Amino acid sequence: MASSSIAVRELPLFPLPELVLFPGRPLPLHIFEFRYRMMMNTILEYDRRFGVLMINPANGEIANVGCCAEIVHFQRLPDDRMKILTLGQQRFRVLEYIREKPYRVGLVEWFEDKTPNQDLHSKSEEVSILLKDVVQLSAKLTDQQIELPENLPTLPTELSYWVASNLYGVASEQQVLLEMQDTFERLEREADILSTTRSNLAARTALKDVFE
């Protein structure tokens, strides 16, 4: 879209508790609050884009960095409620709030990862191996069939977003990963998280094997 080439623009903003959206990742939403019904009806007539920002439940603060969401499908429900499916687009940084009622609108600037100066492919391969190990151990521990999707991203940046978006219950960690502008650093941090998870799962699986 033409708007994606504009470095700074106004963007309607949708703060959500403990939810971090990443580029390329889907986000379904049920829109029921009046102000956000107004927002969606407005942007459906424009470019179908709004910004998602995480609310920190510990202090109620709204993050300054978020991800643009584009509506790719919507269904109107009774009482003007709406179900929408969005897809994460560019990341942005809020420069200032232009207004806060009936819903927040901010002046935002887009940003991307910096040009890499390290070998991303070897690091992404390490993350992929760790990810497969974690899935296999989780399946063994829970006696369930768990598999990675066939369309798992292979490009380093896209893989880093996929892994970050699938970390559950750690929104603050996801926010840190979203704000990083170094793909290698993001992958490295994810490798550390997955390595720790693999070690914990391996220990629990070993205990399960002993007592079965």
N, C-alpha and C. Protein backbone atom coordinates (compact mmCIF):
# COMPACT_ATOMS: atom_id res chain seq x y z
N MET A 1 0.84 -1.19 0.00
CA MET A 1 0.00 0.00 0.00
C MET A 1 0.88 1.25 0.00
N ALA A 2 0.34 2.33 -0.50
CA ALA A 2 1.12 3.56 -0.54
C ALA A 2 1.50 4.04 0.84
N SER A 3 0.61 3.81 1.82
CA SER A 3 0.87 4.30 3.17
C SER A 3 2.11 3.67 3.79
N SER A 4 2.48 2.46 3.33
CA SER A 4 3.61 1.78 3.92
C SER A 4 4.93 2.48 3.61
N SER A 5 4.93 3.34 2.56
CA SER A 5 6.15 4.03 2.18
C SER A 5 6.31 5.35 2.93
N ILE A 6 5.30 5.74 3.67
CA ILE A 6 5.36 6.99 4.43
C ILE A 6 6.04 6.72 5.76
N ALA A 7 7.12 7.44 6.04
CA ALA A 7 7.91 7.18 7.24
C ALA A 7 7.16 7.55 8.51
N VAL A 8 6.37 8.63 8.46
CA VAL A 8 5.61 9.09 9.63
C VAL A 8 4.17 9.32 9.20
N ARG A 9 3.23 8.84 10.03
CA ARG A 9 1.82 9.03 9.70
C ARG A 9 0.98 8.96 10.96
N GLU A 10 -0.27 9.41 10.83
CA GLU A 10 -1.23 9.24 11.92
C GLU A 10 -1.78 7.82 11.85
N LEU A 11 -2.00 7.21 13.03
CA LEU A 11 -2.49 5.83 13.06
C LEU A 11 -3.42 5.65 14.24
N PRO A 12 -4.64 5.14 14.02
CA PRO A 12 -5.52 4.78 15.14
C PRO A 12 -4.84 3.69 15.96
N LEU A 13 -4.98 3.75 17.28
CA LEU A 13 -4.25 2.83 18.15
C LEU A 13 -5.20 2.02 19.03
N PHE A 14 -4.88 0.75 19.16
CA PHE A 14 -5.72 -0.19 19.92
C PHE A 14 -4.84 -0.85 20.98
N PRO A 15 -4.79 -0.31 22.20
CA PRO A 15 -4.01 -0.95 23.27
C PRO A 15 -4.73 -2.20 23.78
N LEU A 16 -3.97 -3.28 23.98
CA LEU A 16 -4.53 -4.53 24.45
C LEU A 16 -3.67 -5.10 25.58
N PRO A 17 -4.29 -5.60 26.64
CA PRO A 17 -3.52 -6.13 27.78
C PRO A 17 -2.74 -7.39 27.42
N GLU A 18 -1.45 -7.38 27.70
CA GLU A 18 -0.58 -8.56 27.55
C GLU A 18 -0.64 -9.19 26.17
N LEU A 19 -0.80 -8.37 25.14
CA LEU A 19 -0.83 -8.89 23.78
C LEU A 19 0.17 -8.12 22.93
N VAL A 20 1.07 -8.86 22.29
CA VAL A 20 2.09 -8.26 21.43
C VAL A 20 1.94 -8.87 20.04
N LEU A 21 1.71 -8.02 19.05
CA LEU A 21 1.56 -8.47 17.67
C LEU A 21 2.90 -8.31 16.94
N PHE A 22 3.22 -9.29 16.08
CA PHE A 22 4.46 -9.24 15.30
C PHE A 22 4.14 -9.21 13.82
N PRO A 23 5.04 -8.64 13.02
CA PRO A 23 4.83 -8.62 11.57
C PRO A 23 4.62 -10.02 11.00
N GLY A 24 3.65 -10.12 10.09
CA GLY A 24 3.39 -11.38 9.43
C GLY A 24 2.55 -12.36 10.22
N ARG A 25 2.16 -12.00 11.44
CA ARG A 25 1.41 -12.92 12.29
C ARG A 25 -0.06 -12.53 12.34
N PRO A 26 -0.97 -13.51 12.32
CA PRO A 26 -2.41 -13.21 12.37
C PRO A 26 -2.87 -12.85 13.78
N LEU A 27 -3.90 -12.03 13.85
CA LEU A 27 -4.51 -11.67 15.13
C LEU A 27 -6.02 -11.54 14.95
N PRO A 28 -6.80 -12.51 15.46
CA PRO A 28 -8.26 -12.38 15.42
C PRO A 28 -8.74 -11.55 16.62
N LEU A 29 -9.74 -10.72 16.41
CA LEU A 29 -10.27 -9.88 17.48
C LEU A 29 -11.80 -9.84 17.42
N HIS A 30 -12.40 -9.77 18.61
CA HIS A 30 -13.85 -9.55 18.73
C HIS A 30 -14.05 -8.11 19.18
N ILE A 31 -14.62 -7.28 18.33
CA ILE A 31 -14.77 -5.86 18.63
C ILE A 31 -16.16 -5.61 19.19
N PHE A 32 -16.21 -5.16 20.46
CA PHE A 32 -17.52 -4.93 21.07
C PHE A 32 -17.63 -3.58 21.77
N GLU A 33 -16.50 -3.00 22.22
CA GLU A 33 -16.57 -1.68 22.85
C GLU A 33 -16.96 -0.64 21.81
N PHE A 34 -17.81 0.32 22.22
CA PHE A 34 -18.34 1.31 21.29
C PHE A 34 -17.23 2.09 20.59
N ARG A 35 -16.20 2.53 21.35
CA ARG A 35 -15.14 3.35 20.73
C ARG A 35 -14.37 2.57 19.67
N TYR A 36 -14.19 1.26 19.90
CA TYR A 36 -13.45 0.48 18.91
C TYR A 36 -14.33 0.05 17.75
N ARG A 37 -15.64 -0.02 17.98
CA ARG A 37 -16.55 -0.23 16.85
C ARG A 37 -16.49 1.00 15.93
N MET A 38 -16.42 2.18 16.54
CA MET A 38 -16.28 3.42 15.77
C MET A 38 -14.97 3.39 14.98
N MET A 39 -13.91 2.97 15.65
CA MET A 39 -12.60 2.92 15.00
C MET A 39 -12.65 2.01 13.78
N MET A 40 -13.16 0.78 13.96
CA MET A 40 -13.15 -0.19 12.87
C MET A 40 -14.02 0.28 11.70
N ASN A 41 -15.17 0.86 12.00
CA ASN A 41 -16.02 1.36 10.92
C ASN A 41 -15.33 2.47 10.14
N THR A 42 -14.52 3.26 10.83
CA THR A 42 -13.79 4.35 10.17
C THR A 42 -12.68 3.81 9.30
N ILE A 43 -11.86 2.91 9.85
CA ILE A 43 -10.69 2.46 9.08
C ILE A 43 -11.09 1.51 7.95
N LEU A 44 -12.26 0.87 8.05
CA LEU A 44 -12.73 0.02 6.95
C LEU A 44 -13.04 0.86 5.71
N GLU A 45 -13.27 2.15 5.90
CA GLU A 45 -13.52 3.05 4.78
C GLU A 45 -12.22 3.68 4.28
N TYR A 46 -11.12 3.40 5.01
CA TYR A 46 -9.84 4.02 4.65
C TYR A 46 -8.87 2.93 4.19
N ASP A 47 -7.84 2.63 4.97
CA ASP A 47 -6.84 1.66 4.51
C ASP A 47 -6.80 0.38 5.36
N ARG A 48 -7.80 0.23 6.26
CA ARG A 48 -7.95 -0.99 7.07
C ARG A 48 -6.78 -1.21 8.03
N ARG A 49 -6.10 -0.17 8.44
CA ARG A 49 -4.93 -0.33 9.30
C ARG A 49 -5.08 0.41 10.63
N PHE A 50 -4.59 -0.25 11.67
CA PHE A 50 -4.53 0.39 12.99
C PHE A 50 -3.34 -0.20 13.73
N GLY A 51 -2.95 0.44 14.82
CA GLY A 51 -1.79 -0.01 15.57
C GLY A 51 -2.18 -0.76 16.83
N VAL A 52 -1.48 -1.85 17.10
CA VAL A 52 -1.69 -2.63 18.32
C VAL A 52 -0.54 -2.35 19.28
N LEU A 53 -0.88 -1.97 20.50
CA LEU A 53 0.10 -1.69 21.54
C LEU A 53 -0.22 -2.51 22.78
N MET A 54 0.80 -3.02 23.44
CA MET A 54 0.57 -3.82 24.64
C MET A 54 0.38 -2.93 25.87
N ILE A 55 -0.62 -3.31 26.69
CA ILE A 55 -0.79 -2.68 28.00
C ILE A 55 -0.13 -3.58 29.03
N ASN A 56 0.76 -3.01 29.81
CA ASN A 56 1.41 -3.76 30.89
C ASN A 56 0.43 -3.89 32.05
N PRO A 57 0.00 -5.12 32.37
CA PRO A 57 -1.00 -5.29 33.44
C PRO A 57 -0.48 -4.92 34.83
N ALA A 58 0.83 -4.93 34.98
CA ALA A 58 1.41 -4.62 36.30
C ALA A 58 1.24 -3.16 36.67
N ASN A 59 1.37 -2.27 35.67
CA ASN A 59 1.29 -0.84 35.98
C ASN A 59 0.32 -0.07 35.09
N GLY A 60 -0.30 -0.77 34.13
CA GLY A 60 -1.28 -0.13 33.27
C GLY A 60 -0.67 0.74 32.18
N GLU A 61 0.64 0.75 32.07
CA GLU A 61 1.30 1.58 31.08
C GLU A 61 1.16 0.98 29.68
N ILE A 62 1.01 1.85 28.69
CA ILE A 62 0.91 1.42 27.31
C ILE A 62 2.28 1.51 26.67
N ALA A 63 2.66 0.44 25.98
CA ALA A 63 3.98 0.40 25.34
C ALA A 63 4.09 1.50 24.30
N ASN A 64 5.31 1.93 24.05
CA ASN A 64 5.57 2.98 23.07
C ASN A 64 5.86 2.41 21.69
N VAL A 65 6.11 1.10 21.62
CA VAL A 65 6.40 0.44 20.35
C VAL A 65 5.34 -0.63 20.10
N GLY A 66 4.82 -0.67 18.90
CA GLY A 66 3.79 -1.65 18.58
C GLY A 66 3.92 -2.13 17.15
N CYS A 67 2.87 -2.80 16.68
CA CYS A 67 2.87 -3.34 15.32
C CYS A 67 1.56 -2.96 14.65
N CYS A 68 1.66 -2.54 13.41
CA CYS A 68 0.48 -2.18 12.64
C CYS A 68 -0.28 -3.45 12.25
N ALA A 69 -1.59 -3.43 12.38
CA ALA A 69 -2.44 -4.55 11.99
C ALA A 69 -3.31 -4.12 10.81
N GLU A 70 -3.45 -4.99 9.83
CA GLU A 70 -4.31 -4.73 8.68
C GLU A 70 -5.46 -5.72 8.68
N ILE A 71 -6.68 -5.23 8.58
CA ILE A 71 -7.85 -6.09 8.54
C ILE A 71 -7.90 -6.82 7.20
N VAL A 72 -7.88 -8.15 7.26
CA VAL A 72 -7.95 -8.94 6.03
C VAL A 72 -9.31 -9.61 5.86
N HIS A 73 -10.09 -9.67 6.94
CA HIS A 73 -11.44 -10.24 6.87
C HIS A 73 -12.23 -9.71 8.05
N PHE A 74 -13.53 -9.48 7.85
CA PHE A 74 -14.38 -9.05 8.96
C PHE A 74 -15.79 -9.59 8.79
N GLN A 75 -16.44 -9.76 9.93
CA GLN A 75 -17.82 -10.24 9.94
C GLN A 75 -18.61 -9.39 10.92
N ARG A 76 -19.67 -8.79 10.44
CA ARG A 76 -20.52 -7.98 11.32
C ARG A 76 -21.47 -8.88 12.10
N LEU A 77 -21.63 -8.55 13.39
CA LEU A 77 -22.48 -9.31 14.29
C LEU A 77 -23.62 -8.41 14.77
N PRO A 78 -24.60 -8.97 15.48
CA PRO A 78 -25.68 -8.13 16.02
C PRO A 78 -25.13 -7.01 16.91
N ASP A 79 -25.90 -5.93 17.02
CA ASP A 79 -25.55 -4.78 17.85
C ASP A 79 -24.26 -4.11 17.38
N ASP A 80 -23.95 -4.24 16.10
CA ASP A 80 -22.79 -3.59 15.50
C ASP A 80 -21.45 -4.13 16.01
N ARG A 81 -21.51 -5.27 16.73
CA ARG A 81 -20.25 -5.92 17.09
C ARG A 81 -19.62 -6.50 15.84
N MET A 82 -18.36 -6.90 15.95
CA MET A 82 -17.65 -7.32 14.76
C MET A 82 -16.56 -8.33 15.12
N LYS A 83 -16.41 -9.34 14.26
CA LYS A 83 -15.25 -10.21 14.36
C LYS A 83 -14.33 -9.86 13.20
N ILE A 84 -13.06 -9.65 13.53
CA ILE A 84 -12.12 -9.29 12.48
C ILE A 84 -10.89 -10.20 12.54
N LEU A 85 -10.29 -10.41 11.40
CA LEU A 85 -9.01 -11.11 11.34
C LEU A 85 -8.01 -10.12 10.78
N THR A 86 -6.92 -9.90 11.50
CA THR A 86 -5.91 -8.96 11.06
C THR A 86 -4.58 -9.68 10.85
N LEU A 87 -3.69 -9.00 10.14
CA LEU A 87 -2.35 -9.53 9.90
C LEU A 87 -1.35 -8.44 10.25
N GLY A 88 -0.34 -8.82 11.03
CA GLY A 88 0.68 -7.86 11.44
C GLY A 88 1.48 -7.34 10.25
N GLN A 89 1.73 -6.04 10.24
CA GLN A 89 2.49 -5.40 9.17
C GLN A 89 3.78 -4.79 9.76
N GLN A 90 4.02 -3.51 9.53
CA GLN A 90 5.24 -2.89 10.02
C GLN A 90 5.18 -2.61 11.52
N ARG A 91 6.37 -2.56 12.11
CA ARG A 91 6.47 -2.09 13.49
C ARG A 91 6.53 -0.56 13.48
N PHE A 92 6.12 0.03 14.59
CA PHE A 92 6.13 1.49 14.67
C PHE A 92 6.47 1.94 16.09
N ARG A 93 6.86 3.20 16.17
CA ARG A 93 7.14 3.85 17.45
C ARG A 93 6.23 5.06 17.56
N VAL A 94 5.55 5.21 18.70
CA VAL A 94 4.66 6.35 18.89
C VAL A 94 5.49 7.59 19.21
N LEU A 95 5.34 8.62 18.38
CA LEU A 95 6.04 9.88 18.61
C LEU A 95 5.26 10.78 19.55
N GLU A 96 3.94 10.80 19.36
CA GLU A 96 3.06 11.58 20.24
C GLU A 96 1.62 11.16 20.01
N TYR A 97 0.79 11.40 21.01
CA TYR A 97 -0.64 11.16 20.86
C TYR A 97 -1.29 12.42 20.34
N ILE A 98 -2.07 12.27 19.27
CA ILE A 98 -2.77 13.41 18.68
C ILE A 98 -4.10 13.63 19.38
N ARG A 99 -4.77 12.53 19.71
CA ARG A 99 -5.99 12.61 20.51
C ARG A 99 -6.22 11.28 21.21
N GLU A 100 -7.04 11.30 22.24
CA GLU A 100 -7.31 10.09 23.02
C GLU A 100 -8.78 9.71 23.03
N LYS A 101 -9.67 10.56 22.51
CA LYS A 101 -11.09 10.25 22.47
C LYS A 101 -11.63 10.55 21.09
N PRO A 102 -12.58 9.74 20.60
CA PRO A 102 -13.20 8.57 21.24
C PRO A 102 -12.26 7.36 21.33
N TYR A 103 -11.19 7.39 20.53
CA TYR A 103 -10.15 6.36 20.62
C TYR A 103 -8.81 7.03 20.35
N ARG A 104 -7.75 6.37 20.75
CA ARG A 104 -6.42 6.96 20.61
C ARG A 104 -5.97 7.02 19.15
N VAL A 105 -5.38 8.13 18.81
CA VAL A 105 -4.73 8.29 17.52
C VAL A 105 -3.35 8.87 17.78
N GLY A 106 -2.33 8.26 17.20
CA GLY A 106 -0.98 8.72 17.45
C GLY A 106 -0.26 9.06 16.16
N LEU A 107 0.76 9.90 16.29
CA LEU A 107 1.69 10.14 15.21
C LEU A 107 2.80 9.12 15.39
N VAL A 108 2.99 8.24 14.40
CA VAL A 108 3.94 7.14 14.55
C VAL A 108 4.97 7.17 13.44
N GLU A 109 6.11 6.55 13.72
CA GLU A 109 7.12 6.36 12.68
C GLU A 109 7.40 4.87 12.55
N TRP A 110 7.52 4.39 11.30
CA TRP A 110 7.84 3.00 11.05
C TRP A 110 9.32 2.76 11.32
N PHE A 111 9.68 1.52 11.65
CA PHE A 111 11.10 1.16 11.73
C PHE A 111 11.28 -0.31 11.38
N GLU A 112 12.46 -0.63 10.89
CA GLU A 112 12.80 -1.99 10.50
C GLU A 112 14.08 -2.42 11.23
N ASP A 113 14.43 -3.69 11.08
CA ASP A 113 15.71 -4.15 11.63
C ASP A 113 16.86 -3.52 10.84
N LYS A 114 17.98 -3.34 11.51
CA LYS A 114 19.17 -2.80 10.86
C LYS A 114 19.76 -3.85 9.93
N THR A 115 20.56 -3.40 8.98
CA THR A 115 21.23 -4.32 8.07
C THR A 115 22.16 -5.23 8.87
N PRO A 116 22.02 -6.55 8.72
CA PRO A 116 22.82 -7.47 9.53
C PRO A 116 24.30 -7.46 9.15
N ASN A 117 25.15 -7.63 10.15
CA ASN A 117 26.58 -7.76 9.89
C ASN A 117 27.12 -9.07 10.45
N GLN A 118 26.19 -9.99 10.77
CA GLN A 118 26.56 -11.32 11.26
C GLN A 118 25.79 -12.37 10.47
N ASP A 119 26.21 -13.62 10.61
CA ASP A 119 25.60 -14.71 9.86
C ASP A 119 24.25 -15.08 10.45
N LEU A 120 23.19 -14.60 9.81
CA LEU A 120 21.84 -14.86 10.32
C LEU A 120 21.40 -16.29 10.07
N HIS A 121 21.86 -16.88 8.98
CA HIS A 121 21.35 -18.21 8.61
C HIS A 121 21.81 -19.30 9.58
N SER A 122 23.05 -19.21 10.05
CA SER A 122 23.50 -20.21 11.03
C SER A 122 22.77 -20.05 12.35
N LYS A 123 22.48 -18.81 12.73
CA LYS A 123 21.74 -18.58 13.98
C LYS A 123 20.29 -19.02 13.83
N SER A 124 19.69 -18.77 12.68
CA SER A 124 18.30 -19.20 12.48
C SER A 124 18.22 -20.72 12.41
N GLU A 125 19.26 -21.38 11.87
CA GLU A 125 19.30 -22.84 11.86
C GLU A 125 19.38 -23.39 13.28
N GLU A 126 20.16 -22.73 14.13
CA GLU A 126 20.25 -23.13 15.54
C GLU A 126 18.89 -23.01 16.23
N VAL A 127 18.19 -21.89 15.96
CA VAL A 127 16.87 -21.68 16.55
C VAL A 127 15.89 -22.74 16.05
N SER A 128 15.96 -23.09 14.77
CA SER A 128 15.06 -24.10 14.20
C SER A 128 15.27 -25.46 14.86
N ILE A 129 16.54 -25.83 15.08
CA ILE A 129 16.84 -27.11 15.72
C ILE A 129 16.33 -27.12 17.16
N LEU A 130 16.57 -26.04 17.88
CA LEU A 130 16.09 -25.95 19.26
C LEU A 130 14.57 -26.02 19.31
N LEU A 131 13.93 -25.38 18.36
CA LEU A 131 12.47 -25.36 18.29
C LEU A 131 11.93 -26.77 18.08
N LYS A 132 12.54 -27.51 17.18
CA LYS A 132 12.10 -28.89 16.92
C LYS A 132 12.30 -29.76 18.16
N ASP A 133 13.42 -29.57 18.86
CA ASP A 133 13.67 -30.34 20.08
C ASP A 133 12.61 -30.04 21.14
N VAL A 134 12.27 -28.77 21.30
CA VAL A 134 11.27 -28.37 22.29
C VAL A 134 9.91 -28.98 21.97
N VAL A 135 9.54 -28.98 20.68
CA VAL A 135 8.25 -29.54 20.26
C VAL A 135 8.23 -31.05 20.51
N GLN A 136 9.31 -31.75 20.17
CA GLN A 136 9.38 -33.20 20.36
C GLN A 136 9.31 -33.57 21.85
N LEU A 137 10.02 -32.82 22.67
CA LEU A 137 10.00 -33.09 24.12
C LEU A 137 8.63 -32.77 24.71
N SER A 138 8.02 -31.71 24.25
CA SER A 138 6.67 -31.35 24.73
C SER A 138 5.67 -32.43 24.38
N ALA A 139 5.78 -32.96 23.16
CA ALA A 139 4.88 -34.03 22.72
C ALA A 139 5.07 -35.27 23.57
N LYS A 140 6.32 -35.60 23.86
CA LYS A 140 6.60 -36.79 24.67
C LYS A 140 6.11 -36.62 26.10
N LEU A 141 6.30 -35.42 26.63
CA LEU A 141 5.92 -35.16 28.02
C LEU A 141 4.41 -35.19 28.20
N THR A 142 3.67 -34.69 27.21
CA THR A 142 2.21 -34.58 27.34
C THR A 142 1.46 -35.73 26.66
N ASP A 143 2.21 -36.63 26.02
CA ASP A 143 1.58 -37.74 25.28
C ASP A 143 0.60 -37.23 24.24
N GLN A 144 0.98 -36.14 23.59
CA GLN A 144 0.14 -35.57 22.55
C GLN A 144 0.95 -35.46 21.26
N GLN A 145 0.25 -35.40 20.16
CA GLN A 145 0.91 -35.22 18.87
C GLN A 145 1.03 -33.73 18.59
N ILE A 146 2.24 -33.23 18.72
CA ILE A 146 2.51 -31.81 18.49
C ILE A 146 3.52 -31.70 17.36
N GLU A 147 3.18 -30.93 16.36
CA GLU A 147 4.07 -30.77 15.22
C GLU A 147 4.20 -29.30 14.84
N LEU A 148 5.34 -28.97 14.30
CA LEU A 148 5.53 -27.62 13.78
C LEU A 148 4.77 -27.49 12.47
N PRO A 149 4.30 -26.30 12.14
CA PRO A 149 3.57 -26.12 10.88
C PRO A 149 4.49 -26.34 9.69
N GLU A 150 3.92 -26.81 8.61
CA GLU A 150 4.71 -27.07 7.40
C GLU A 150 5.24 -25.77 6.79
N ASN A 151 4.51 -24.68 7.02
CA ASN A 151 4.92 -23.40 6.43
C ASN A 151 5.73 -22.55 7.42
N LEU A 152 6.47 -23.20 8.31
CA LEU A 152 7.33 -22.47 9.25
C LEU A 152 8.29 -21.59 8.45
N PRO A 153 8.38 -20.30 8.79
CA PRO A 153 9.26 -19.41 8.02
C PRO A 153 10.71 -19.89 8.01
N THR A 154 11.36 -19.70 6.89
CA THR A 154 12.77 -20.09 6.77
C THR A 154 13.70 -18.87 6.75
N LEU A 155 13.18 -17.72 6.35
CA LEU A 155 14.01 -16.51 6.37
C LEU A 155 14.23 -16.08 7.82
N PRO A 156 15.45 -15.67 8.17
CA PRO A 156 15.79 -15.38 9.57
C PRO A 156 14.87 -14.38 10.27
N THR A 157 14.59 -13.25 9.63
CA THR A 157 13.76 -12.23 10.29
C THR A 157 12.34 -12.75 10.53
N GLU A 158 11.76 -13.39 9.50
CA GLU A 158 10.41 -13.92 9.63
C GLU A 158 10.35 -15.03 10.68
N LEU A 159 11.40 -15.85 10.73
CA LEU A 159 11.46 -16.91 11.75
C LEU A 159 11.52 -16.30 13.14
N SER A 160 12.29 -15.24 13.29
CA SER A 160 12.40 -14.61 14.61
C SER A 160 11.07 -14.05 15.07
N TYR A 161 10.27 -13.52 14.14
CA TYR A 161 8.94 -13.02 14.50
C TYR A 161 8.01 -14.18 14.87
N TRP A 162 8.11 -15.29 14.12
CA TRP A 162 7.25 -16.44 14.38
C TRP A 162 7.52 -17.00 15.77
N VAL A 163 8.79 -17.19 16.09
CA VAL A 163 9.15 -17.73 17.40
C VAL A 163 8.67 -16.79 18.50
N ALA A 164 8.92 -15.50 18.34
CA ALA A 164 8.53 -14.52 19.36
C ALA A 164 7.03 -14.52 19.58
N SER A 165 6.26 -14.64 18.50
CA SER A 165 4.80 -14.59 18.63
C SER A 165 4.24 -15.84 19.28
N ASN A 166 5.01 -16.94 19.30
CA ASN A 166 4.54 -18.19 19.88
C ASN A 166 5.11 -18.46 21.28
N LEU A 167 5.68 -17.45 21.89
CA LEU A 167 6.07 -17.56 23.30
C LEU A 167 4.84 -17.20 24.13
N TYR A 168 4.39 -18.11 24.98
CA TYR A 168 3.13 -17.89 25.70
C TYR A 168 3.38 -17.49 27.15
N GLY A 169 2.56 -16.54 27.61
CA GLY A 169 2.61 -16.14 29.01
C GLY A 169 3.78 -15.25 29.37
N VAL A 170 4.46 -14.71 28.38
CA VAL A 170 5.63 -13.85 28.66
C VAL A 170 5.54 -12.60 27.79
N ALA A 171 4.46 -11.85 27.94
CA ALA A 171 4.23 -10.68 27.10
C ALA A 171 5.35 -9.65 27.23
N SER A 172 5.89 -9.49 28.44
CA SER A 172 6.97 -8.51 28.63
C SER A 172 8.20 -8.91 27.83
N GLU A 173 8.49 -10.21 27.76
CA GLU A 173 9.62 -10.70 26.96
C GLU A 173 9.33 -10.50 25.47
N GLN A 174 8.09 -10.75 25.07
CA GLN A 174 7.71 -10.53 23.68
C GLN A 174 7.88 -9.06 23.29
N GLN A 175 7.55 -8.16 24.21
CA GLN A 175 7.68 -6.73 23.93
C GLN A 175 9.15 -6.36 23.70
N VAL A 176 10.02 -6.95 24.51
CA VAL A 176 11.46 -6.71 24.33
C VAL A 176 11.90 -7.17 22.94
N LEU A 177 11.44 -8.35 22.53
CA LEU A 177 11.80 -8.89 21.22
C LEU A 177 11.24 -8.03 20.09
N LEU A 178 10.04 -7.50 20.28
CA LEU A 178 9.43 -6.65 19.26
C LEU A 178 10.24 -5.37 19.07
N GLU A 179 10.77 -4.82 20.15
CA GLU A 179 11.47 -3.54 20.09
C GLU A 179 12.89 -3.66 19.55
N MET A 180 13.44 -4.88 19.54
CA MET A 180 14.81 -5.06 19.04
C MET A 180 14.89 -4.70 17.56
N GLN A 181 15.99 -4.10 17.17
CA GLN A 181 16.21 -3.74 15.77
C GLN A 181 17.38 -4.50 15.17
N ASP A 182 17.77 -5.58 15.82
CA ASP A 182 18.87 -6.42 15.36
C ASP A 182 18.35 -7.86 15.27
N THR A 183 18.22 -8.38 14.05
CA THR A 183 17.68 -9.73 13.86
C THR A 183 18.53 -10.78 14.56
N PHE A 184 19.84 -10.64 14.46
CA PHE A 184 20.75 -11.61 15.09
C PHE A 184 20.54 -11.61 16.60
N GLU A 185 20.43 -10.42 17.18
CA GLU A 185 20.23 -10.31 18.63
C GLU A 185 18.90 -10.94 19.05
N ARG A 186 17.85 -10.74 18.22
CA ARG A 186 16.55 -11.34 18.53
C ARG A 186 16.62 -12.86 18.47
N LEU A 187 17.26 -13.38 17.42
CA LEU A 187 17.41 -14.83 17.29
C LEU A 187 18.26 -15.41 18.43
N GLU A 188 19.28 -14.67 18.82
CA GLU A 188 20.15 -15.13 19.90
C GLU A 188 19.39 -15.22 21.21
N ARG A 189 18.57 -14.22 21.46
CA ARG A 189 17.77 -14.23 22.69
C ARG A 189 16.76 -15.37 22.66
N GLU A 190 16.18 -15.62 21.51
CA GLU A 190 15.23 -16.72 21.37
C GLU A 190 15.92 -18.07 21.53
N ALA A 191 17.15 -18.17 21.04
CA ALA A 191 17.92 -19.40 21.20
C ALA A 191 18.17 -19.67 22.69
N ASP A 192 18.46 -18.63 23.45
CA ASP A 192 18.67 -18.78 24.90
C ASP A 192 17.39 -19.27 25.58
N ILE A 193 16.26 -18.67 25.20
CA ILE A 193 14.97 -19.05 25.79
C ILE A 193 14.65 -20.51 25.45
N LEU A 194 14.82 -20.87 24.18
CA LEU A 194 14.51 -22.24 23.75
C LEU A 194 15.46 -23.26 24.36
N SER A 195 16.73 -22.88 24.52
CA SER A 195 17.70 -23.78 25.14
C SER A 195 17.34 -24.07 26.59
N THR A 196 16.95 -23.02 27.32
CA THR A 196 16.52 -23.20 28.71
C THR A 196 15.27 -24.06 28.78
N THR A 197 14.32 -23.80 27.87
CA THR A 197 13.09 -24.58 27.83
C THR A 197 13.38 -26.04 27.52
N ARG A 198 14.29 -26.28 26.58
CA ARG A 198 14.65 -27.65 26.22
C ARG A 198 15.25 -28.39 27.41
N SER A 199 16.11 -27.73 28.15
CA SER A 199 16.74 -28.36 29.32
C SER A 199 15.70 -28.72 30.37
N ASN A 200 14.75 -27.80 30.60
CA ASN A 200 13.69 -28.06 31.59
C ASN A 200 12.80 -29.21 31.15
N LEU A 201 12.44 -29.23 29.88
CA LEU A 201 11.59 -30.30 29.37
C LEU A 201 12.31 -31.65 29.39
N ALA A 202 13.60 -31.63 29.06
CA ALA A 202 14.37 -32.88 29.07
C ALA A 202 14.43 -33.46 30.47
N ALA A 203 14.59 -32.60 31.48
CA ALA A 203 14.64 -33.06 32.87
C ALA A 203 13.30 -33.63 33.30
N ARG A 204 12.21 -32.96 32.92
CA ARG A 204 10.88 -33.45 33.29
C ARG A 204 10.55 -34.75 32.56
N THR A 205 10.99 -34.86 31.30
CA THR A 205 10.74 -36.08 30.54
C THR A 205 11.51 -37.25 31.14
N ALA A 206 12.74 -37.00 31.59
CA ALA A 206 13.55 -38.04 32.21
C ALA A 206 12.89 -38.55 33.49
N LEU A 207 12.34 -37.63 34.28
CA LEU A 207 11.64 -38.01 35.51
C LEU A 207 10.39 -38.83 35.19
N LYS A 208 9.69 -38.42 34.14
CA LYS A 208 8.49 -39.16 33.74
C LYS A 208 8.85 -40.60 33.34
N ASP A 209 9.96 -40.75 32.60
CA ASP A 209 10.39 -42.06 32.17
C ASP A 209 10.74 -42.96 33.36
N VAL A 210 11.30 -42.37 34.41
CA VAL A 210 11.70 -43.12 35.60
C VAL A 210 10.49 -43.67 36.32
N PHE A 211 9.42 -42.87 36.42
CA PHE A 211 8.27 -43.25 37.23
C PHE A 211 7.18 -43.96 36.44
N GLU A 212 7.40 -44.17 35.16
CA GLU A 212 6.39 -44.89 34.38
C GLU A 212 6.69 -46.39 34.38
